[in-house]
Each structure stands twice: as structure tokens, then as C-alpha cells.
C-alpha atoms as a PDB file:
ATOM      1  CA  MET A   1     108.628 111.260 125.542  1.00  0.00           C
ATOM      2  CA  THR A   2     107.011 109.720 122.450  1.00  0.00           C
ATOM      3  CA  GLY A   3     106.973 111.204 118.977  1.00  0.00           C
ATOM      4  CA  ILE A   4     106.838 110.494 115.283  1.00  0.00           C
ATOM      5  CA  ARG A   5     109.005 112.211 112.708  1.00  0.00           C
ATOM      6  CA  LYS A   6     109.184 112.012 108.941  1.00  0.00           C
ATOM      7  CA  LEU A   7     112.243 110.234 107.587  1.00  0.00           C
ATOM      8  CA  GLN A   8     114.459 112.609 105.617  1.00  0.00           C
ATOM      9  CA  ASN A   9     116.370 111.985 102.397  1.00  0.00           C
ATOM     10  CA  GLY A  10     119.618 110.235 103.211  1.00  0.00           C
ATOM     11  CA  GLU A  11     118.160 108.383 106.220  1.00  0.00           C
ATOM     12  CA  ALA A  12     117.127 105.169 104.469  1.00  0.00           C
ATOM     13  CA  GLY A  13     119.939 103.369 106.301  1.00  0.00           C
ATOM     14  CA  LEU A  14     118.267 104.144 109.625  1.00  0.00           C
ATOM     15  CA  LEU A  15     115.034 102.545 108.466  1.00  0.00           C
ATOM     16  CA  HIS A  16     116.960  99.587 107.038  1.00  0.00           C
ATOM     17  CA  GLN A  17     118.559  98.950 110.456  1.00  0.00           C
ATOM     18  CA  LEU A  18     115.228  99.233 112.274  1.00  0.00           C
ATOM     19  CA  ALA A  19     113.666  96.793 109.814  1.00  0.00           C
ATOM     20  CA  LEU A  20     116.453  94.256 110.303  1.00  0.00           C
ATOM     21  CA  ASP A  21     115.725  94.295 114.026  1.00  0.00           C
ATOM     22  CA  ILE A  22     111.916  94.412 113.984  1.00  0.00           C
ATOM     23  CA  TRP A  23     110.542  92.923 110.762  1.00  0.00           C
ATOM     24  CA  PRO A  24     111.875  89.312 110.915  1.00  0.00           C
ATOM     25  CA  LYS A  25     110.538  88.861 114.453  1.00  0.00           C
ATOM     26  CA  ALA A  26     107.091  90.025 113.330  1.00  0.00           C
ATOM     27  CA  PHE A  27     106.881  87.212 110.776  1.00  0.00           C
ATOM     28  CA  ALA A  28     108.941  84.417 112.349  1.00  0.00           C
ATOM     29  CA  ALA A  29     105.821  82.394 113.232  1.00  0.00           C
ATOM     30  CA  ILE A  30     104.161  82.631 109.791  1.00  0.00           C
ATOM     31  CA  LEU A  31     106.945  82.822 107.162  1.00  0.00           C
ATOM     32  CA  SER A  32     109.954  80.619 106.486  1.00  0.00           C
ATOM     33  CA  PRO A  33     113.420  82.020 107.243  1.00  0.00           C
ATOM     34  CA  GLU A  34     114.132  81.892 103.501  1.00  0.00           C
ATOM     35  CA  GLN A  35     111.067  83.976 102.667  1.00  0.00           C
ATOM     36  CA  ILE A  36     111.926  86.456 105.423  1.00  0.00           C
ATOM     37  CA  ASP A  37     115.447  86.899 104.007  1.00  0.00           C
ATOM     38  CA  TYR A  38     114.065  87.307 100.491  1.00  0.00           C
ATOM     39  CA  MET A  39     111.469  89.864 101.558  1.00  0.00           C
ATOM     40  CA  LEU A  40     113.952  91.848 103.641  1.00  0.00           C
ATOM     41  CA  GLN A  41     116.096  92.323 100.549  1.00  0.00           C
ATOM     42  CA  MET A  42     113.084  92.999  98.333  1.00  0.00           C
ATOM     43  CA  MET A  43     111.497  95.596 100.641  1.00  0.00           C
ATOM     44  CA  TYR A  44     114.172  96.957 102.948  1.00  0.00           C
ATOM     45  CA  ALA A  45     117.443  97.235 101.037  1.00  0.00           C
ATOM     46  CA  VAL A  46     118.623 100.847 101.292  1.00  0.00           C
ATOM     47  CA  ASP A  47     118.351 101.421  97.525  1.00  0.00           C
ATOM     48  CA  VAL A  48     114.788 100.042  97.509  1.00  0.00           C
ATOM     49  CA  LEU A  49     113.786 102.379 100.344  1.00  0.00           C
ATOM     50  CA  GLU A  50     115.380 105.347  98.564  1.00  0.00           C
ATOM     51  CA  LYS A  51     113.453 104.556  95.365  1.00  0.00           C
ATOM     52  CA  GLU A  52     110.210 104.324  97.321  1.00  0.00           C
ATOM     53  CA  MET A  53     110.877 107.736  98.859  1.00  0.00           C
ATOM     54  CA  GLU A  54     111.543 109.155  95.375  1.00  0.00           C
ATOM     55  CA  ARG A  55     108.176 107.867  94.126  1.00  0.00           C
ATOM     56  CA  GLY A  56     106.307 109.465  97.016  1.00  0.00           C
ATOM     57  CA  VAL A  57     106.203 106.932  99.844  1.00  0.00           C
ATOM     58  CA  ALA A  58     106.562 108.834 103.125  1.00  0.00           C
ATOM     59  CA  PHE A  59     108.291 106.995 105.972  1.00  0.00           C
ATOM     60  CA  TYR A  60     107.933 107.908 109.633  1.00  0.00           C
ATOM     61  CA  ILE A  61     110.041 106.882 112.610  1.00  0.00           C
ATOM     62  CA  LEU A  62     108.566 106.300 116.079  1.00  0.00           C
ATOM     63  CA  ASN A  63     110.843 107.536 118.836  1.00  0.00           C
ATOM     64  CA  VAL A  64     110.346 106.742 122.525  1.00  0.00           C
ATOM     65  CA  ASP A  65     112.637 108.307 125.109  1.00  0.00           C
ATOM     66  CA  SER A  66     115.182 109.270 122.417  1.00  0.00           C
ATOM     67  CA  VAL A  67     115.321 105.758 120.946  1.00  0.00           C
ATOM     68  CA  ASP A  68     113.956 104.848 117.483  1.00  0.00           C
ATOM     69  CA  VAL A  69     111.639 101.884 118.087  1.00  0.00           C
ATOM     70  CA  GLY A  70     109.242 101.643 115.134  1.00  0.00           C
ATOM     71  CA  TYR A  71     108.334 102.832 111.687  1.00  0.00           C
ATOM     72  CA  THR A  72     105.427 103.412 109.342  1.00  0.00           C
ATOM     73  CA  ALA A  73     105.002 104.278 105.660  1.00  0.00           C
ATOM     74  CA  ILE A  74     102.128 105.851 103.732  1.00  0.00           C
ATOM     75  CA  GLU A  75     101.434 106.547 100.072  1.00  0.00           C
ATOM     76  CA  ARG A  76      98.617 108.328  98.245  1.00  0.00           C
ATOM     77  CA  LYS A  77      96.376 105.930  96.294  1.00  0.00           C
ATOM     78  CA  ASP A  78      93.998 108.502  94.837  1.00  0.00           C
ATOM     79  CA  GLU A  79      92.303 111.776  95.743  1.00  0.00           C
ATOM     80  CA  THR A  80      90.435 110.287  98.717  1.00  0.00           C
ATOM     81  CA  ALA A  81      92.648 107.459  99.940  1.00  0.00           C
ATOM     82  CA  TYR A  82      96.096 106.584 101.203  1.00  0.00           C
ATOM     83  CA  LYS A  83      97.696 103.208 101.749  1.00  0.00           C
ATOM     84  CA  LEU A  84      99.530 102.335 104.937  1.00  0.00           C
ATOM     85  CA  HIS A  85     102.418 100.244 103.600  1.00  0.00           C
ATOM     86  CA  LYS A  86     104.223  99.526 106.829  1.00  0.00           C
ATOM     87  CA  ILE A  87     103.566  99.770 110.534  1.00  0.00           C
ATOM     88  CA  TYR A  88     106.023  98.029 112.816  1.00  0.00           C
ATOM     89  CA  LEU A  89     107.045  98.408 116.424  1.00  0.00           C
ATOM     90  CA  SER A  90     109.813  96.765 118.444  1.00  0.00           C
ATOM     91  CA  GLN A  91     108.283  93.629 119.959  1.00  0.00           C
ATOM     92  CA  LYS A  92     109.547  94.509 123.423  1.00  0.00           C
ATOM     93  CA  LEU A  93     107.210  97.533 123.394  1.00  0.00           C
ATOM     94  CA  HIS A  94     104.019  95.745 122.321  1.00  0.00           C
ATOM     95  CA  GLY A  95     101.046  96.160 124.632  1.00  0.00           C
ATOM     96  CA  ARG A  96     101.856  99.736 125.666  1.00  0.00           C
ATOM     97  CA  GLY A  97      99.533 101.561 123.269  1.00  0.00           C
ATOM     98  CA  LEU A  98     102.351 102.580 120.936  1.00  0.00           C
ATOM     99  CA  GLY A  99     100.903 100.709 117.945  1.00  0.00           C
ATOM    100  CA  LYS A 100      97.654 102.623 118.416  1.00  0.00           C
ATOM    101  CA  PHE A 101      99.685 105.836 118.636  1.00  0.00           C
ATOM    102  CA  GLN A 102     101.455 104.997 115.362  1.00  0.00           C
ATOM    103  CA  LEU A 103      98.193 104.125 113.608  1.00  0.00           C
ATOM    104  CA  ARG A 104      96.329 107.191 114.844  1.00  0.00           C
ATOM    105  CA  SER A 105      99.259 109.410 113.872  1.00  0.00           C
ATOM    106  CA  MET A 106      99.130 108.088 110.297  1.00  0.00           C
ATOM    107  CA  GLU A 107      95.355 108.523 110.194  1.00  0.00           C
ATOM    108  CA  GLU A 108      95.719 112.161 111.278  1.00  0.00           C
ATOM    109  CA  ILE A 109      98.460 112.831 108.735  1.00  0.00           C
ATOM    110  CA  VAL A 110      96.446 111.460 105.811  1.00  0.00           C
ATOM    111  CA  LYS A 111      93.286 113.254 106.979  1.00  0.00           C
ATOM    112  CA  ASN A 112      95.289 116.475 106.871  1.00  0.00           C
ATOM    113  CA  TYR A 113      96.110 115.615 103.246  1.00  0.00           C
ATOM    114  CA  GLY A 114      92.382 115.300 102.521  1.00  0.00           C
ATOM    115  CA  ALA A 115      92.033 111.503 102.662  1.00  0.00           C
ATOM    116  CA  THR A 116      88.767 109.949 103.771  1.00  0.00           C
ATOM    117  CA  TYR A 117      90.038 106.339 103.634  1.00  0.00           C
ATOM    118  CA  LEU A 118      93.152 104.560 104.818  1.00  0.00           C
ATOM    119  CA  TYR A 119      93.880 101.124 103.360  1.00  0.00           C
ATOM    120  CA  LEU A 120      96.387  98.500 104.422  1.00  0.00           C
ATOM    121  CA  ASN A 121      97.373  94.958 103.579  1.00  0.00           C
ATOM    122  CA  VAL A 122      97.958  92.449 106.356  1.00  0.00           C
ATOM    123  CA  ASN A 123      98.944  88.794 106.142  1.00  0.00           C
ATOM    124  CA  ARG A 124      95.832  86.689 106.718  1.00  0.00           C
ATOM    125  CA  HIS A 125      97.637  84.715 109.455  1.00  0.00           C
ATOM    126  CA  ASN A 126      98.996  87.777 111.248  1.00  0.00           C
ATOM    127  CA  LYS A 127      97.573  88.360 114.721  1.00  0.00           C
ATOM    128  CA  ALA A 128      97.515  92.080 113.839  1.00  0.00           C
ATOM    129  CA  VAL A 129      94.277  91.455 111.898  1.00  0.00           C
ATOM    130  CA  ASP A 130      92.387  91.579 115.200  1.00  0.00           C
ATOM    131  CA  PHE A 131      94.241  94.746 116.231  1.00  0.00           C
ATOM    132  CA  TYR A 132      93.177  96.495 113.020  1.00  0.00           C
ATOM    133  CA  LYS A 133      89.580  95.347 113.459  1.00  0.00           C
ATOM    134  CA  SER A 134      89.605  96.759 116.989  1.00  0.00           C
ATOM    135  CA  GLN A 135      90.732 100.093 115.526  1.00  0.00           C
ATOM    136  CA  GLY A 136      87.827 100.312 113.089  1.00  0.00           C
ATOM    137  CA  TYR A 137      89.281  98.645 109.998  1.00  0.00           C
ATOM    138  CA  GLU A 138      87.205  96.239 107.951  1.00  0.00           C
ATOM    139  CA  ILE A 139      88.287  93.513 105.552  1.00  0.00           C
ATOM    140  CA  VAL A 140      87.302  94.528 102.028  1.00  0.00           C
ATOM    141  CA  LYS A 141      88.959  91.703 100.071  1.00  0.00           C
ATOM    142  CA  GLU A 142      91.664  89.042  99.979  1.00  0.00           C
ATOM    143  CA  GLU A 143      94.755  89.201  97.767  1.00  0.00           C
ATOM    144  CA  ASP A 144      97.442  86.694  96.884  1.00  0.00           C
ATOM    145  CA  ASN A 145     100.361  88.730  95.543  1.00  0.00           C
ATOM    146  CA  ASN A 146     103.183  86.925  93.760  1.00  0.00           C
ATOM    147  CA  ILE A 147     106.375  88.561  95.019  1.00  0.00           C
ATOM    148  CA  GLY A 148     108.749  86.359  93.062  1.00  0.00           C
ATOM    149  CA  ASN A 149     111.046  83.449  93.889  1.00  0.00           C
ATOM    150  CA  GLY A 150     107.983  81.236  94.406  1.00  0.00           C
ATOM    151  CA  TYR A 151     106.661  83.344  97.303  1.00  0.00           C
ATOM    152  CA  PHE A 152     103.260  84.942  97.772  1.00  0.00           C
ATOM    153  CA  MET A 153     101.881  87.493 100.174  1.00  0.00           C
ATOM    154  CA  ASN A 154      98.504  86.124 101.255  1.00  0.00           C
ATOM    155  CA  ASP A 155      96.819  89.254 102.546  1.00  0.00           C
ATOM    156  CA  TYR A 156      93.605  90.831 103.610  1.00  0.00           C
ATOM    157  CA  VAL A 157      93.036  94.312 102.268  1.00  0.00           C
ATOM    158  CA  MET A 158      91.558  96.340 105.101  1.00  0.00           C
ATOM    159  CA  ARG A 159      90.063  99.820 105.058  1.00  0.00           C
ATOM    160  CA  LYS A 160      88.952 102.438 107.517  1.00  0.00           C
ATOM    161  CA  GLN A 161      86.745 105.382 106.739  1.00  0.00           C
ATOM    162  CA  LEU A 162      88.322 108.346 108.476  1.00  0.00           C
ATOM    163  CA  GLN A 163      86.147 110.815 110.356  1.00  0.00           C
ATOM    164  CA  VAL A 164      86.656 114.249 108.912  1.00  0.00           C
ATOM    165  CA  GLU A 165      85.940 117.009 111.394  1.00  0.00           C
END
């Protein structure tokens, strides 16, 4: 059985553990080990995750057969748009349609909140760019975000117009 549930207050440690397992593997081919370590602390320390939840970032956990195997995060940008901050899935489950399930679940959630657009940032060298294009996302601009310690996130900003029924 596959499902997505919203992370509750006090569960940031669960997300932290998932990130330690999934996130470094997702970037091993395009980021240095030093940058991966830096970004893990910057984005996935328990206190950082708790502060994000306090400011309105909603985290969701993907569960398959009673095992937590992925996570996503969304945040309202404005009255018509949300930003997908994170979407990660255990690498051993890639190719099974679960990433599409995660993405579509987030699209449905934000549509229910009245959004007509979903934005995301993706590293320009990440193979996921093609996945997002195949799901109807378009590149709207490039960004080079200084994240400190001499590191940059070299991203595409992608957007999808959501079909409102």
C-alpha cells in the first residue's frame, strides 16, 4: 500500500533521518562530498526543519508497505502559486512510478488550496530536469543562489500551470 501523510510537529527527526539516507545519494554525481555535508546541515538539521515548519513549510512523507521511503515539502508563494521545495525518493525505488505519485499528490494538495501554479528549483545538472519536463513543467529562468561557504546552487526554476477542474 502506498500513501502520503503530512509530517506532524515533533517529527522533524524522522525527516532528518530520511534525508541522511536519500539526499546525499541524489547529489553524489554532481556535488562534492564537502558541499553535500554542508547542505545537509544547512537544510536538514532538525532545528532547521522545525523552523521551516513554523514558518509554514508543509512536509509530507511517502510510505510504501509501511516503510517511509520519500519526502516532499511545499510552501505558499502567493495567492496563486506554491513552491515545491523538496521531492526525494529512496533510490532503490526509482522507476516504479512513485516519483510521479509524489509529484501528483503535491499538485493535488496545492490545487485544493487554490493554487494555479507549482514552482520548483532543480539543479541544472540533475537528471530530474527531464523528469519534470515529462510531467509538464517548463523552465522559466536560471538562478545561481549563494548558499554560503563558497557554494552555489545552480538551478533552473521550473513551473507548471495546474489544471483546475
